[in-house]
């Protein structure tokens, strides 16, 4: 996505919004298909990536075999004005996806400290202290605003998330299933949260569910 990681920097942080990022994903997918010789890709989106990947897949179903929406942001996270085009990143921000104890510290009974350190350091390495706010502005709208249109997705889709994830609207996830194509599946994992692919009690089950869906 433009403005993130090692991709080209952008002058306007509001420019790479969800729709722009979806077309970046399409361009990358087209190149991967060309180089690899594959006819279709499996696609996994996480968090905001579920918004961007679902829009990419809706527009370019010919490129995609199956879609995984992991921790999907189906609807807005709550209306808030995003005034600045770039977010000021911090180490604390990079740790915001992990479950915490009552005093607000990362719950290291659920995730290894080394895993947190590697995740945080790589967030800092690739995005440094600034990242575009176009996607954040898209997400910070009312909870009545749909961000993912399940009826527009035409490939089998796994919708997977944890019931401790503060960003998820579980009712919207359940409601999406009647609009998704045949072969789609819903998995809500008790106790898991936004970063369950790194949580010790859940990461193996999470990986197994994703792999089984993609392979069958």
Foldseek 3Di string as FASTA:
>chain_A
DEQWFPHDRDPFLQPCALQNLLVVVVVVLVVCCVVVVDFADEEEAAELRLLNPLNNCLVCVRRHAEYEDEQHLFFAQAADDDDGFKAFDDLVNQQVFADADPVRHGDCVFFPPVVSVVSSVVNCNGNNGIGGCNHVNVRNYHRVGGSHDQLSRAHAYEYEFEPPESSDDVVSVVVSPVNHDPLHYYYYHYPAYRVQCRTVVRVVVVVVVVVVSVVD
